[in-house]
Amino acid sequence: MTEWEIQGEELANCNCNFGCPCQFSVLPSHGNCEAVVVFDIKTGHYGDTDLAGVRAAGVYHWPGPIHEGNGQMQLIVDEGASTDQRAAIEAIMKGEDTDEMATMWYVFSAMAPTKHETLYVPIELDWNRDERTGYAKVSGVFDVEVSPIPHIVSGMPHRASIHLPNGFEYRHAEAASGSAKTTGGAISLTFDATHAHLAHLNLSGHGVLGA
């Protein structure tokens, strides 16, 4: 098993209501699960391969709850990644060299038997976790934008966060409102003002390492 570890930032947007029932071990808002998730790796390694600066994303679709399987996934790796970095991040995001159920990537991959061809194209991103604002886009594949959840009465930014002491993705995430649309790729989806979260990731093949 190749040892790996990454620290970075994550932006996720799914089709569920704000908060996302999955975070509370409840069935999805509309019966199925779809998501766009983008990763900006700041530091890390896969064996001897340095992963600092690598950007990657995944587009996912499940016909029901994730744990029932039968899903599809398509990975996107920024074209700036080297051959070794591409192989490393794909292995990590496909759940390889990872303890069983230790990360969300392991679970997503295990529950998505249909794996479309990985794309190697530029990933543009800019977001602020504390402000709950920003975007990520891949030309010809998807666009996703996030903004603060509006207060139901005043419309002013409403701040809420999710704390998962035993999570397999993150320990803490800022909740936001996200809108996404695919413009190509193998999986089609569209969200408008649905759940999004921004989180700091600190992961290894053995699970979440800390806050």
Protein backbone atom coordinates (compact mmCIF):
# COMPACT_ATOMS: atom_id res chain seq x y z
CA MET A 1 0.00 0.00 0.00
CA THR A 2 1.44 3.35 -1.05
CA GLU A 3 1.25 5.87 1.78
CA TRP A 4 -0.30 9.22 0.91
CA GLU A 5 -1.42 12.42 2.62
CA ILE A 6 -2.95 15.66 1.41
CA GLN A 7 -3.94 19.01 2.86
CA GLY A 8 -6.11 21.30 0.79
CA GLU A 9 -9.45 22.98 0.20
CA GLU A 10 -12.71 21.49 -1.01
CA LEU A 11 -15.80 23.00 -2.62
CA ALA A 12 -18.81 20.71 -3.01
CA ASN A 13 -22.28 21.34 -4.44
CA CYS A 14 -25.00 18.70 -4.45
CA ASN A 15 -28.70 18.51 -5.32
CA CYS A 16 -29.99 18.37 -1.73
CA ASN A 17 -31.42 21.06 0.54
CA PHE A 18 -29.06 23.27 2.55
CA GLY A 19 -27.24 21.21 5.16
CA CYS A 20 -27.36 18.00 3.09
CA PRO A 21 -29.13 15.07 4.79
CA CYS A 22 -26.14 12.80 4.11
CA GLN A 23 -24.21 14.77 6.72
CA PHE A 24 -26.78 13.61 9.29
CA SER A 25 -27.16 10.00 8.07
CA VAL A 26 -30.57 10.75 6.56
CA LEU A 27 -31.87 9.93 3.08
CA PRO A 28 -31.28 12.58 0.35
CA SER A 29 -33.81 15.39 -0.10
CA HIS A 30 -35.06 14.22 -3.50
CA GLY A 31 -34.32 10.51 -3.29
CA ASN A 32 -31.10 10.56 -5.31
CA CYS A 33 -27.67 12.12 -5.03
CA GLU A 34 -25.75 14.21 -7.56
CA ALA A 35 -22.72 16.38 -6.92
CA VAL A 36 -19.82 18.37 -8.26
CA VAL A 37 -16.80 18.41 -5.94
CA VAL A 38 -13.59 20.35 -6.54
CA PHE A 39 -10.26 19.97 -4.76
CA ASP A 40 -7.37 22.42 -4.48
CA ILE A 41 -4.41 20.56 -2.96
CA LYS A 42 -1.97 22.80 -1.12
CA THR A 43 0.50 20.22 0.14
CA GLY A 44 0.75 16.46 0.03
CA HIS A 45 2.34 13.38 -1.42
CA TYR A 46 1.58 9.95 -2.80
CA GLY A 47 4.63 7.88 -2.05
CA ASP A 48 7.48 9.97 -3.46
CA THR A 49 5.21 12.01 -5.74
CA ASP A 50 4.67 15.60 -4.60
CA LEU A 51 1.01 16.64 -4.94
CA ALA A 52 1.34 20.33 -3.99
CA GLY A 53 -0.58 22.53 -6.41
CA VAL A 54 -2.64 19.76 -7.98
CA ARG A 55 -6.27 20.58 -8.75
CA ALA A 56 -8.90 17.92 -9.34
CA ALA A 57 -12.66 17.48 -9.42
CA GLY A 58 -15.34 14.83 -9.59
CA VAL A 59 -18.83 14.82 -11.07
CA TYR A 60 -21.07 12.16 -9.53
CA HIS A 61 -24.56 10.73 -9.96
CA TRP A 62 -26.40 8.07 -7.99
CA PRO A 63 -29.99 7.00 -8.81
CA GLY A 64 -30.74 6.72 -5.10
CA PRO A 65 -28.83 7.25 -1.84
CA ILE A 66 -25.07 6.86 -2.22
CA HIS A 67 -24.96 3.77 -0.01
CA GLU A 68 -27.26 1.89 -2.41
CA GLY A 69 -24.65 2.17 -5.15
CA ASN A 70 -25.17 1.89 -8.92
CA GLY A 71 -23.60 5.33 -9.38
CA GLN A 72 -21.52 7.03 -12.03
CA MET A 73 -18.45 9.18 -11.64
CA GLN A 74 -16.13 11.17 -13.84
CA LEU A 75 -12.85 12.60 -12.58
CA ILE A 76 -11.21 15.74 -13.89
CA VAL A 77 -7.53 16.47 -13.25
CA ASP A 78 -5.98 19.81 -14.14
CA GLU A 79 -3.86 19.50 -17.25
CA GLY A 80 -0.94 21.11 -15.40
CA ALA A 81 -0.44 17.96 -13.32
CA SER A 82 2.49 15.77 -14.32
CA THR A 83 2.05 12.17 -15.44
CA ASP A 84 3.00 10.92 -11.97
CA GLN A 85 0.67 13.41 -10.27
CA ARG A 86 -2.21 12.40 -12.53
CA ALA A 87 -1.74 8.74 -11.70
CA ALA A 88 -1.45 9.53 -7.98
CA ILE A 89 -4.54 11.69 -7.64
CA GLU A 90 -6.60 9.27 -9.72
CA ALA A 91 -5.54 6.39 -7.47
CA ILE A 92 -6.50 8.38 -4.37
CA MET A 93 -9.86 9.48 -5.80
CA LYS A 94 -10.65 5.92 -6.86
CA GLY A 95 -10.12 4.69 -3.30
CA GLU A 96 -6.89 2.84 -3.98
CA ASP A 97 -4.20 2.58 -1.28
CA THR A 98 -6.90 3.52 1.25
CA ASP A 99 -8.24 1.64 4.25
CA GLU A 100 -11.78 0.39 3.73
CA MET A 101 -14.33 3.20 4.21
CA ALA A 102 -11.60 5.57 5.44
CA THR A 103 -12.31 8.45 3.05
CA MET A 104 -15.20 9.82 1.00
CA TRP A 105 -13.20 8.96 -2.13
CA TYR A 106 -13.17 5.29 -1.15
CA VAL A 107 -16.94 5.34 -0.59
CA PHE A 108 -17.76 7.33 -3.73
CA SER A 109 -15.68 5.03 -5.90
CA ALA A 110 -17.00 1.83 -4.33
CA MET A 111 -20.57 3.03 -4.85
CA ALA A 112 -19.98 4.18 -8.45
CA PRO A 113 -19.25 1.13 -10.62
CA THR A 114 -19.58 3.21 -13.78
CA LYS A 115 -16.36 5.18 -14.08
CA HIS A 116 -16.18 7.44 -17.11
CA GLU A 117 -12.91 8.41 -18.73
CA THR A 118 -10.86 10.88 -16.71
CA LEU A 119 -10.51 14.31 -18.31
CA TYR A 120 -7.27 16.32 -18.25
CA VAL A 121 -8.25 19.94 -18.75
CA PRO A 122 -7.68 23.30 -17.01
CA ILE A 123 -9.52 23.79 -13.72
CA GLU A 124 -10.14 27.40 -12.75
CA LEU A 125 -11.10 28.14 -9.16
CA ASP A 126 -11.24 30.89 -6.58
CA TRP A 127 -13.16 30.66 -3.32
CA ASN A 128 -13.09 31.88 0.27
CA ARG A 129 -14.14 29.35 2.88
CA ASP A 130 -14.92 31.86 5.64
CA GLU A 131 -16.91 34.14 3.33
CA ARG A 132 -18.67 31.17 1.65
CA THR A 133 -18.17 32.73 -1.76
CA GLY A 134 -16.40 31.72 -4.95
CA TYR A 135 -16.47 29.53 -7.99
CA ALA A 136 -14.87 26.68 -9.85
CA LYS A 137 -15.18 25.91 -13.52
CA VAL A 138 -13.88 23.63 -16.21
CA SER A 139 -14.51 24.93 -19.71
CA GLY A 140 -16.77 22.54 -21.57
CA VAL A 141 -17.49 20.44 -18.47
CA PHE A 142 -19.05 22.37 -15.56
CA ASP A 143 -19.50 25.68 -13.76
CA VAL A 144 -20.22 25.94 -10.03
CA GLU A 145 -20.69 29.05 -7.90
CA VAL A 146 -21.27 29.40 -4.17
CA SER A 147 -22.57 32.21 -2.00
CA PRO A 148 -23.83 32.56 1.59
CA ILE A 149 -27.18 31.02 2.45
CA PRO A 150 -29.67 33.90 2.56
CA HIS A 151 -31.59 34.43 5.81
CA ILE A 152 -35.20 33.42 5.16
CA VAL A 153 -36.57 36.76 6.46
CA SER A 154 -33.93 39.42 5.92
CA GLY A 155 -32.07 37.91 2.98
CA MET A 156 -28.80 38.75 4.71
CA PRO A 157 -26.00 36.14 4.77
CA HIS A 158 -26.88 33.34 7.19
CA ARG A 159 -23.88 31.46 8.56
CA ALA A 160 -24.12 27.81 9.50
CA SER A 161 -21.48 25.13 9.71
CA ILE A 162 -21.26 21.36 10.00
CA HIS A 163 -19.03 19.65 12.55
CA LEU A 164 -18.33 15.94 12.11
CA PRO A 165 -15.91 14.70 14.78
CA ASN A 166 -15.75 11.26 13.15
CA GLY A 167 -16.25 12.25 9.52
CA PHE A 168 -14.43 10.59 6.63
CA GLU A 169 -14.28 13.80 4.56
CA TYR A 170 -13.69 16.68 6.95
CA ARG A 171 -14.07 17.69 10.57
CA HIS A 172 -15.63 21.11 9.90
CA ALA A 173 -17.31 22.67 6.87
CA GLU A 174 -18.95 26.00 6.14
CA ALA A 175 -22.40 25.57 4.61
CA ALA A 176 -23.32 27.63 1.57
CA SER A 177 -25.74 27.96 -1.32
CA GLY A 178 -24.47 26.55 -4.58
CA SER A 179 -25.51 26.53 -8.21
CA ALA A 180 -23.92 24.26 -10.78
CA LYS A 181 -24.43 23.23 -14.36
CA THR A 182 -22.61 20.75 -16.52
CA THR A 183 -21.84 21.90 -20.05
CA GLY A 184 -20.25 18.68 -21.25
CA GLY A 185 -18.61 15.55 -19.90
CA ALA A 186 -20.35 12.23 -19.37
CA ILE A 187 -22.77 13.24 -16.57
CA SER A 188 -25.47 15.89 -16.93
CA LEU A 189 -26.75 17.84 -13.91
CA THR A 190 -28.07 21.26 -12.93
CA PHE A 191 -28.46 22.73 -9.42
CA ASP A 192 -29.92 26.10 -8.42
CA ALA A 193 -29.47 27.32 -4.84
CA THR A 194 -28.88 23.90 -3.27
CA HIS A 195 -26.51 22.62 -0.60
CA ALA A 196 -22.85 23.49 -0.89
CA HIS A 197 -19.99 23.33 1.57
CA LEU A 198 -16.42 24.53 1.76
CA ALA A 199 -13.99 22.61 3.91
CA HIS A 200 -10.33 22.21 4.74
CA LEU A 201 -9.15 18.68 4.01
CA ASN A 202 -6.46 16.84 5.93
CA LEU A 203 -6.59 13.27 4.70
CA SER A 204 -4.48 10.17 4.34
CA GLY A 205 -5.09 6.61 3.24
CA HIS A 206 -6.06 5.93 6.85
CA GLY A 207 -8.69 8.67 7.13
CA VAL A 208 -9.07 12.22 8.38
CA LEU A 209 -5.97 13.39 10.24
CA GLY A 210 -7.34 16.44 12.02
CA ALA A 211 -9.30 19.67 11.80
